[in-house]
Amino acid sequence: MSRSSDEGSPGCREVLDLLSDYVDGELAPETRQALDRHLGACPPCERFLRTFRATRDVCRESLAEEMPEELRNRLRAFLRENIRRP
């Protein structure tokens, strides 16, 4: 992923920097269009985008699971014992 970019188009590093905002739909329309063009012409970045989205989905799903009460109580006890308040 080291393709150089055309004038005004993002390079691979810029795509990586903007990827989270891109996936969240938080980019200005012209920036999103520029990333779309880059992703359409750069198979490594397109693969990275698919992996990035899949990773976020897996993380989101795992966070949606309810923590068992016993684990939650043990975690709270651990935090109380190990975190010092100012």
PDB file of N, CA and C in Angstrom:
ATOM      1  N   MET A   1       0.827  -1.184   0.000  1.00  0.00           N
ATOM      2  CA  MET A   1       0.000   0.000   0.000  1.00  0.00           C
ATOM      3  C   MET A   1       0.867   1.241   0.000  1.00  0.00           C
ATOM      4  N   SER A   2       1.595   1.437  -1.045  1.00  0.00           N
ATOM      5  CA  SER A   2       2.450   2.618  -1.095  1.00  0.00           C
ATOM      6  C   SER A   2       2.240   3.396  -2.377  1.00  0.00           C
ATOM      7  N   ARG A   3       1.104   3.188  -2.999  1.00  0.00           N
ATOM      8  CA  ARG A   3       0.837   3.885  -4.257  1.00  0.00           C
ATOM      9  C   ARG A   3       0.922   5.390  -4.070  1.00  0.00           C
ATOM     10  N   SER A   4       1.541   6.034  -5.019  1.00  0.00           N
ATOM     11  CA  SER A   4       1.539   7.490  -4.978  1.00  0.00           C
ATOM     12  C   SER A   4       0.193   7.963  -5.498  1.00  0.00           C
ATOM     13  N   SER A   5      -0.201   9.119  -5.074  1.00  0.00           N
ATOM     14  CA  SER A   5      -1.519   9.614  -5.452  1.00  0.00           C
ATOM     15  C   SER A   5      -1.425  10.633  -6.565  1.00  0.00           C
ATOM     16  N   ASP A   6      -2.520  10.755  -7.301  1.00  0.00           N
ATOM     17  CA  ASP A   6      -2.630  11.828  -8.288  1.00  0.00           C
ATOM     18  C   ASP A   6      -2.770  13.131  -7.526  1.00  0.00           C
ATOM     19  N   GLU A   7      -2.515  14.222  -8.199  1.00  0.00           N
ATOM     20  CA  GLU A   7      -2.676  15.534  -7.579  1.00  0.00           C
ATOM     21  C   GLU A   7      -4.094  15.681  -7.041  1.00  0.00           C
ATOM     22  N   GLY A   8      -4.224  15.967  -5.750  1.00  0.00           N
ATOM     23  CA  GLY A   8      -5.527  16.147  -5.146  1.00  0.00           C
ATOM     24  C   GLY A   8      -6.195  14.871  -4.674  1.00  0.00           C
ATOM     25  N   SER A   9      -5.627  13.721  -4.962  1.00  0.00           N
ATOM     26  CA  SER A   9      -6.190  12.453  -4.505  1.00  0.00           C
ATOM     27  C   SER A   9      -5.378  11.938  -3.338  1.00  0.00           C
ATOM     28  N   PRO A  10      -6.033  11.275  -2.403  1.00  0.00           N
ATOM     29  CA  PRO A  10      -5.291  10.761  -1.249  1.00  0.00           C
ATOM     30  C   PRO A  10      -4.417   9.576  -1.634  1.00  0.00           C
ATOM     31  N   GLY A  11      -3.287   9.455  -0.950  1.00  0.00           N
ATOM     32  CA  GLY A  11      -2.446   8.283  -1.091  1.00  0.00           C
ATOM     33  C   GLY A  11      -2.871   7.243  -0.075  1.00  0.00           C
ATOM     34  N   CYS A  12      -2.214   6.105  -0.095  1.00  0.00           N
ATOM     35  CA  CYS A  12      -2.582   5.004   0.800  1.00  0.00           C
ATOM     36  C   CYS A  12      -2.499   5.411   2.272  1.00  0.00           C
ATOM     37  N   ARG A  13      -1.464   6.120   2.644  1.00  0.00           N
ATOM     38  CA  ARG A  13      -1.345   6.539   4.052  1.00  0.00           C
ATOM     39  C   ARG A  13      -2.489   7.461   4.457  1.00  0.00           C
ATOM     40  N   GLU A  14      -2.861   8.349   3.576  1.00  0.00           N
ATOM     41  CA  GLU A  14      -3.984   9.249   3.879  1.00  0.00           C
ATOM     42  C   GLU A  14      -5.287   8.463   4.003  1.00  0.00           C
ATOM     43  N   VAL A  15      -5.449   7.440   3.154  1.00  0.00           N
ATOM     44  CA  VAL A  15      -6.641   6.600   3.236  1.00  0.00           C
ATOM     45  C   VAL A  15      -6.705   5.951   4.609  1.00  0.00           C
ATOM     46  N   LEU A  16      -5.591   5.421   5.081  1.00  0.00           N
ATOM     47  CA  LEU A  16      -5.565   4.784   6.400  1.00  0.00           C
ATOM     48  C   LEU A  16      -5.910   5.772   7.497  1.00  0.00           C
ATOM     49  N   ASP A  17      -5.416   6.986   7.388  1.00  0.00           N
ATOM     50  CA  ASP A  17      -5.696   8.013   8.392  1.00  0.00           C
ATOM     51  C   ASP A  17      -7.183   8.392   8.430  1.00  0.00           C
ATOM     52  N   LEU A  18      -7.846   8.303   7.282  1.00  0.00           N
ATOM     53  CA  LEU A  18      -9.240   8.741   7.176  1.00  0.00           C
ATOM     54  C   LEU A  18     -10.240   7.593   7.223  1.00  0.00           C
ATOM     55  N   LEU A  19      -9.764   6.366   7.334  1.00  0.00           N
ATOM     56  CA  LEU A  19     -10.626   5.201   7.178  1.00  0.00           C
ATOM     57  C   LEU A  19     -11.768   5.144   8.185  1.00  0.00           C
ATOM     58  N   SER A  20     -11.496   5.427   9.429  1.00  0.00           N
ATOM     59  CA  SER A  20     -12.556   5.369  10.440  1.00  0.00           C
ATOM     60  C   SER A  20     -13.661   6.372  10.132  1.00  0.00           C
ATOM     61  N   ASP A  21     -13.283   7.599   9.802  1.00  0.00           N
ATOM     62  CA  ASP A  21     -14.278   8.619   9.445  1.00  0.00           C
ATOM     63  C   ASP A  21     -15.025   8.229   8.167  1.00  0.00           C
ATOM     64  N   TYR A  22     -14.316   7.594   7.237  1.00  0.00           N
ATOM     65  CA  TYR A  22     -14.929   7.131   5.989  1.00  0.00           C
ATOM     66  C   TYR A  22     -16.023   6.109   6.286  1.00  0.00           C
ATOM     67  N   VAL A  23     -15.696   5.118   7.090  1.00  0.00           N
ATOM     68  CA  VAL A  23     -16.650   4.057   7.424  1.00  0.00           C
ATOM     69  C   VAL A  23     -17.823   4.612   8.220  1.00  0.00           C
ATOM     70  N   ASP A  24     -17.565   5.585   9.072  1.00  0.00           N
ATOM     71  CA  ASP A  24     -18.627   6.190   9.882  1.00  0.00           C
ATOM     72  C   ASP A  24     -19.466   7.209   9.113  1.00  0.00           C
ATOM     73  N   GLY A  25     -19.066   7.515   7.875  1.00  0.00           N
ATOM     74  CA  GLY A  25     -19.813   8.481   7.072  1.00  0.00           C
ATOM     75  C   GLY A  25     -19.633   9.910   7.532  1.00  0.00           C
ATOM     76  N   GLU A  26     -18.472  10.216   8.098  1.00  0.00           N
ATOM     77  CA  GLU A  26     -18.233  11.531   8.675  1.00  0.00           C
ATOM     78  C   GLU A  26     -17.294  12.412   7.841  1.00  0.00           C
ATOM     79  N   LEU A  27     -17.070  12.053   6.592  1.00  0.00           N
ATOM     80  CA  LEU A  27     -16.201  12.859   5.734  1.00  0.00           C
ATOM     81  C   LEU A  27     -17.021  13.810   4.873  1.00  0.00           C
ATOM     82  N   ALA A  28     -16.390  14.895   4.512  1.00  0.00           N
ATOM     83  CA  ALA A  28     -17.007  15.816   3.552  1.00  0.00           C
ATOM     84  C   ALA A  28     -17.203  15.054   2.235  1.00  0.00           C
ATOM     85  N   PRO A  29     -18.248  15.379   1.488  1.00  0.00           N
ATOM     86  CA  PRO A  29     -18.535  14.636   0.250  1.00  0.00           C
ATOM     87  C   PRO A  29     -17.358  14.572  -0.722  1.00  0.00           C
ATOM     88  N   GLU A  30     -16.627  15.663  -0.880  1.00  0.00           N
ATOM     89  CA  GLU A  30     -15.502  15.635  -1.831  1.00  0.00           C
ATOM     90  C   GLU A  30     -14.365  14.734  -1.342  1.00  0.00           C
ATOM     91  N   THR A  31     -14.151  14.696  -0.034  1.00  0.00           N
ATOM     92  CA  THR A  31     -13.118  13.811   0.513  1.00  0.00           C
ATOM     93  C   THR A  31     -13.548  12.364   0.358  1.00  0.00           C
ATOM     94  N   ARG A  32     -14.811  12.086   0.625  1.00  0.00           N
ATOM     95  CA  ARG A  32     -15.330  10.721   0.463  1.00  0.00           C
ATOM     96  C   ARG A  32     -15.204  10.270  -0.988  1.00  0.00           C
ATOM     97  N   GLN A  33     -15.527  11.135  -1.923  1.00  0.00           N
ATOM     98  CA  GLN A  33     -15.414  10.784  -3.339  1.00  0.00           C
ATOM     99  C   GLN A  33     -13.967  10.496  -3.718  1.00  0.00           C
ATOM    100  N   ALA A  34     -13.039  11.290  -3.192  1.00  0.00           N
ATOM    101  CA  ALA A  34     -11.622  11.059  -3.474  1.00  0.00           C
ATOM    102  C   ALA A  34     -11.182   9.710  -2.920  1.00  0.00           C
ATOM    103  N   LEU A  35     -11.634   9.360  -1.708  1.00  0.00           N
ATOM    104  CA  LEU A  35     -11.302   8.054  -1.144  1.00  0.00           C
ATOM    105  C   LEU A  35     -11.945   6.936  -1.955  1.00  0.00           C
ATOM    106  N   ASP A  36     -13.175   7.131  -2.390  1.00  0.00           N
ATOM    107  CA  ASP A  36     -13.837   6.132  -3.236  1.00  0.00           C
ATOM    108  C   ASP A  36     -13.025   5.855  -4.496  1.00  0.00           C
ATOM    109  N   ARG A  37     -12.524   6.919  -5.120  1.00  0.00           N
ATOM    110  CA  ARG A  37     -11.709   6.752  -6.331  1.00  0.00           C
ATOM    111  C   ARG A  37     -10.437   5.971  -6.013  1.00  0.00           C
ATOM    112  N   HIS A  38      -9.785   6.340  -4.918  1.00  0.00           N
ATOM    113  CA  HIS A  38      -8.549   5.651  -4.545  1.00  0.00           C
ATOM    114  C   HIS A  38      -8.831   4.174  -4.276  1.00  0.00           C
ATOM    115  N   LEU A  39      -9.869   3.903  -3.476  1.00  0.00           N
ATOM    116  CA  LEU A  39     -10.183   2.519  -3.132  1.00  0.00           C
ATOM    117  C   LEU A  39     -10.541   1.701  -4.370  1.00  0.00           C
ATOM    118  N   GLY A  40     -11.194   2.322  -5.326  1.00  0.00           N
ATOM    119  CA  GLY A  40     -11.542   1.627  -6.569  1.00  0.00           C
ATOM    120  C   GLY A  40     -10.337   1.286  -7.424  1.00  0.00           C
ATOM    121  N   ALA A  41      -9.246   2.021  -7.225  1.00  0.00           N
ATOM    122  CA  ALA A  41      -8.048   1.804  -8.037  1.00  0.00           C
ATOM    123  C   ALA A  41      -6.923   1.119  -7.270  1.00  0.00           C
ATOM    124  N   CYS A  42      -7.126   0.835  -5.987  1.00  0.00           N
ATOM    125  CA  CYS A  42      -6.052   0.291  -5.154  1.00  0.00           C
ATOM    126  C   CYS A  42      -6.535  -0.976  -4.434  1.00  0.00           C
ATOM    127  N   PRO A  43      -6.308  -2.133  -5.027  1.00  0.00           N
ATOM    128  CA  PRO A  43      -6.766  -3.379  -4.399  1.00  0.00           C
ATOM    129  C   PRO A  43      -6.258  -3.597  -2.967  1.00  0.00           C
ATOM    130  N   PRO A  44      -5.009  -3.264  -2.633  1.00  0.00           N
ATOM    131  CA  PRO A  44      -4.586  -3.461  -1.237  1.00  0.00           C
ATOM    132  C   PRO A  44      -5.402  -2.612  -0.248  1.00  0.00           C
ATOM    133  N   CYS A  45      -5.703  -1.376  -0.606  1.00  0.00           N
ATOM    134  CA  CYS A  45      -6.510  -0.525   0.282  1.00  0.00           C
ATOM    135  C   CYS A  45      -7.946  -1.039   0.363  1.00  0.00           C
ATOM    136  N   GLU A  46      -8.471  -1.530  -0.742  1.00  0.00           N
ATOM    137  CA  GLU A  46      -9.828  -2.092  -0.743  1.00  0.00           C
ATOM    138  C   GLU A  46      -9.886  -3.321   0.166  1.00  0.00           C
ATOM    139  N   ARG A  47      -8.877  -4.176   0.110  1.00  0.00           N
ATOM    140  CA  ARG A  47      -8.832  -5.344   1.001  1.00  0.00           C
ATOM    141  C   ARG A  47      -8.714  -4.910   2.455  1.00  0.00           C
ATOM    142  N   PHE A  48      -7.890  -3.889   2.701  1.00  0.00           N
ATOM    143  CA  PHE A  48      -7.736  -3.395   4.066  1.00  0.00           C
ATOM    144  C   PHE A  48      -9.067  -2.846   4.581  1.00  0.00           C
ATOM    145  N   LEU A  49      -9.796  -2.137   3.744  1.00  0.00           N
ATOM    146  CA  LEU A  49     -11.103  -1.606   4.123  1.00  0.00           C
ATOM    147  C   LEU A  49     -12.051  -2.735   4.514  1.00  0.00           C
ATOM    148  N   ARG A  50     -12.091  -3.799   3.725  1.00  0.00           N
ATOM    149  CA  ARG A  50     -12.967  -4.935   4.060  1.00  0.00           C
ATOM    150  C   ARG A  50     -12.568  -5.539   5.402  1.00  0.00           C
ATOM    151  N   THR A  51     -11.267  -5.699   5.635  1.00  0.00           N
ATOM    152  CA  THR A  51     -10.783  -6.247   6.901  1.00  0.00           C
ATOM    153  C   THR A  51     -11.119  -5.316   8.057  1.00  0.00           C
ATOM    154  N   PHE A  52     -10.935  -4.020   7.840  1.00  0.00           N
ATOM    155  CA  PHE A  52     -11.237  -3.020   8.862  1.00  0.00           C
ATOM    156  C   PHE A  52     -12.712  -3.082   9.262  1.00  0.00           C
ATOM    157  N   ARG A  53     -13.588  -3.126   8.269  1.00  0.00           N
ATOM    158  CA  ARG A  53     -15.026  -3.196   8.552  1.00  0.00           C
ATOM    159  C   ARG A  53     -15.383  -4.484   9.292  1.00  0.00           C
ATOM    160  N   ALA A  54     -14.819  -5.594   8.855  1.00  0.00           N
ATOM    161  CA  ALA A  54     -15.101  -6.874   9.512  1.00  0.00           C
ATOM    162  C   ALA A  54     -14.619  -6.861  10.958  1.00  0.00           C
ATOM    163  N   THR A  55     -13.456  -6.280  11.199  1.00  0.00           N
ATOM    164  CA  THR A  55     -12.913  -6.204  12.553  1.00  0.00           C
ATOM    165  C   THR A  55     -13.817  -5.355  13.444  1.00  0.00           C
ATOM    166  N   ARG A  56     -14.255  -4.226  12.937  1.00  0.00           N
ATOM    167  CA  ARG A  56     -15.163  -3.373  13.715  1.00  0.00           C
ATOM    168  C   ARG A  56     -16.467  -4.099  14.025  1.00  0.00           C
ATOM    169  N   ASP A  57     -16.975  -4.846  13.053  1.00  0.00           N
ATOM    170  CA  ASP A  57     -18.223  -5.583  13.270  1.00  0.00           C
ATOM    171  C   ASP A  57     -18.052  -6.646  14.359  1.00  0.00           C
ATOM    172  N   VAL A  58     -16.942  -7.371  14.310  1.00  0.00           N
ATOM    173  CA  VAL A  58     -16.684  -8.401  15.316  1.00  0.00           C
ATOM    174  C   VAL A  58     -16.556  -7.764  16.698  1.00  0.00           C
ATOM    175  N   CYS A  59     -15.828  -6.666  16.787  1.00  0.00           N
ATOM    176  CA  CYS A  59     -15.677  -5.983  18.074  1.00  0.00           C
ATOM    177  C   CYS A  59     -17.018  -5.484  18.588  1.00  0.00           C
ATOM    178  N   ARG A  60     -17.796  -4.909  17.723  1.00  0.00           N
ATOM    179  CA  ARG A  60     -19.111  -4.392  18.120  1.00  0.00           C
ATOM    180  C   ARG A  60     -20.012  -5.527  18.614  1.00  0.00           C
ATOM    181  N   GLU A  61     -19.997  -6.649  17.920  1.00  0.00           N
ATOM    182  CA  GLU A  61     -20.810  -7.793  18.328  1.00  0.00           C
ATOM    183  C   GLU A  61     -20.345  -8.340  19.674  1.00  0.00           C
ATOM    184  N   SER A  62     -19.048  -8.409  19.874  1.00  0.00           N
ATOM    185  CA  SER A  62     -18.551  -8.965  21.131  1.00  0.00           C
ATOM    186  C   SER A  62     -18.873  -8.039  22.304  1.00  0.00           C
ATOM    187  N   LEU A  63     -18.919  -6.746  22.064  1.00  0.00           N
ATOM    188  CA  LEU A  63     -19.263  -5.805  23.124  1.00  0.00           C
ATOM    189  C   LEU A  63     -20.748  -5.832  23.458  1.00  0.00           C
ATOM    190  N   ALA A  64     -21.544  -6.322  22.532  1.00  0.00           N
ATOM    191  CA  ALA A  64     -22.982  -6.376  22.754  1.00  0.00           C
ATOM    192  C   ALA A  64     -23.367  -7.532  23.676  1.00  0.00           C
ATOM    193  N   GLU A  65     -22.479  -8.475  23.856  1.00  0.00           N
ATOM    194  CA  GLU A  65     -22.756  -9.607  24.735  1.00  0.00           C
ATOM    195  C   GLU A  65     -22.791  -9.143  26.183  1.00  0.00           C
ATOM    196  N   GLU A  66     -23.717  -9.663  26.931  1.00  0.00           N
ATOM    197  CA  GLU A  66     -23.827  -9.343  28.353  1.00  0.00           C
ATOM    198  C   GLU A  66     -22.732 -10.067  29.119  1.00  0.00           C
ATOM    199  N   MET A  67     -22.040  -9.320  29.963  1.00  0.00           N
ATOM    200  CA  MET A  67     -20.983  -9.907  30.781  1.00  0.00           C
ATOM    201  C   MET A  67     -21.644 -10.701  31.911  1.00  0.00           C
ATOM    202  N   PRO A  68     -21.204 -11.936  32.140  1.00  0.00           N
ATOM    203  CA  PRO A  68     -21.767 -12.713  33.245  1.00  0.00           C
ATOM    204  C   PRO A  68     -21.586 -11.968  34.571  1.00  0.00           C
ATOM    205  N   GLU A  69     -22.579 -12.086  35.455  1.00  0.00           N
ATOM    206  CA  GLU A  69     -22.571 -11.353  36.715  1.00  0.00           C
ATOM    207  C   GLU A  69     -21.330 -11.659  37.555  1.00  0.00           C
ATOM    208  N   GLU A  70     -20.935 -12.918  37.617  1.00  0.00           N
ATOM    209  CA  GLU A  70     -19.755 -13.287  38.404  1.00  0.00           C
ATOM    210  C   GLU A  70     -18.506 -12.576  37.883  1.00  0.00           C
ATOM    211  N   LEU A  71     -18.350 -12.545  36.571  1.00  0.00           N
ATOM    212  CA  LEU A  71     -17.193 -11.858  35.984  1.00  0.00           C
ATOM    213  C   LEU A  71     -17.268 -10.362  36.260  1.00  0.00           C
ATOM    214  N   ARG A  72     -18.440  -9.772  36.123  1.00  0.00           N
ATOM    215  CA  ARG A  72     -18.618  -8.346  36.379  1.00  0.00           C
ATOM    216  C   ARG A  72     -18.237  -8.017  37.830  1.00  0.00           C
ATOM    217  N   ASN A  73     -18.671  -8.844  38.775  1.00  0.00           N
ATOM    218  CA  ASN A  73     -18.344  -8.619  40.191  1.00  0.00           C
ATOM    219  C   ASN A  73     -16.847  -8.758  40.452  1.00  0.00           C
ATOM    220  N   ARG A  74     -16.221  -9.740  39.838  1.00  0.00           N
ATOM    221  CA  ARG A  74     -14.776  -9.932  40.004  1.00  0.00           C
ATOM    222  C   ARG A  74     -14.007  -8.755  39.412  1.00  0.00           C
ATOM    223  N   LEU A  75     -14.469  -8.270  38.263  1.00  0.00           N
ATOM    224  CA  LEU A  75     -13.817  -7.128  37.623  1.00  0.00           C
ATOM    225  C   LEU A  75     -13.942  -5.881  38.496  1.00  0.00           C
ATOM    226  N   ARG A  76     -15.109  -5.635  39.020  1.00  0.00           N
ATOM    227  CA  ARG A  76     -15.301  -4.476  39.904  1.00  0.00           C
ATOM    228  C   ARG A  76     -14.393  -4.564  41.127  1.00  0.00           C
ATOM    229  N   ALA A  77     -14.325  -5.756  41.728  1.00  0.00           N
ATOM    230  CA  ALA A  77     -13.468  -5.941  42.908  1.00  0.00           C
ATOM    231  C   ALA A  77     -12.004  -5.700  42.552  1.00  0.00           C
ATOM    232  N   PHE A  78     -11.585  -6.219  41.421  1.00  0.00           N
ATOM    233  CA  PHE A  78     -10.211  -6.018  40.973  1.00  0.00           C
ATOM    234  C   PHE A  78      -9.917  -4.533  40.786  1.00  0.00           C
ATOM    235  N   LEU A  79     -10.823  -3.830  40.129  1.00  0.00           N
ATOM    236  CA  LEU A  79     -10.612  -2.407  39.877  1.00  0.00           C
ATOM    237  C   LEU A  79     -10.575  -1.615  41.180  1.00  0.00           C
ATOM    238  N   ARG A  80     -11.466  -1.924  42.103  1.00  0.00           N
ATOM    239  CA  ARG A  80     -11.460  -1.238  43.399  1.00  0.00           C
ATOM    240  C   ARG A  80     -10.136  -1.432  44.124  1.00  0.00           C
ATOM    241  N   GLU A  81      -9.592  -2.634  44.048  1.00  0.00           N
ATOM    242  CA  GLU A  81      -8.352  -2.948  44.760  1.00  0.00           C
ATOM    243  C   GLU A  81      -7.116  -2.363  44.075  1.00  0.00           C
ATOM    244  N   ASN A  82      -7.170  -2.180  42.772  1.00  0.00           N
ATOM    245  CA  ASN A  82      -5.969  -1.838  42.028  1.00  0.00           C
ATOM    246  C   ASN A  82      -5.915  -0.441  41.437  1.00  0.00           C
ATOM    247  N   ILE A  83      -6.994   0.274  41.508  1.00  0.00           N
ATOM    248  CA  ILE A  83      -6.987   1.638  40.968  1.00  0.00           C
ATOM    249  C   ILE A  83      -7.047   2.604  42.122  1.00  0.00           C
ATOM    250  N   ARG A  84      -6.072   3.479  42.137  1.00  0.00           N
ATOM    251  CA  ARG A  84      -6.001   4.488  43.199  1.00  0.00           C
ATOM    252  C   ARG A  84      -6.723   5.736  42.772  1.00  0.00           C
ATOM    253  N   ARG A  85      -7.502   6.252  43.654  1.00  0.00           N
ATOM    254  CA  ARG A  85      -8.218   7.506  43.379  1.00  0.00           C
ATOM    255  C   ARG A  85      -7.329   8.673  43.771  1.00  0.00           C
ATOM    256  N   PRO A  86      -7.434   9.792  43.051  1.00  0.00           N
ATOM    257  CA  PRO A  86      -6.604  10.968  43.367  1.00  0.00           C
ATOM    258  C   PRO A  86      -6.975  11.612  44.685  1.00  0.00           C
TER     259      PRO A  86
END
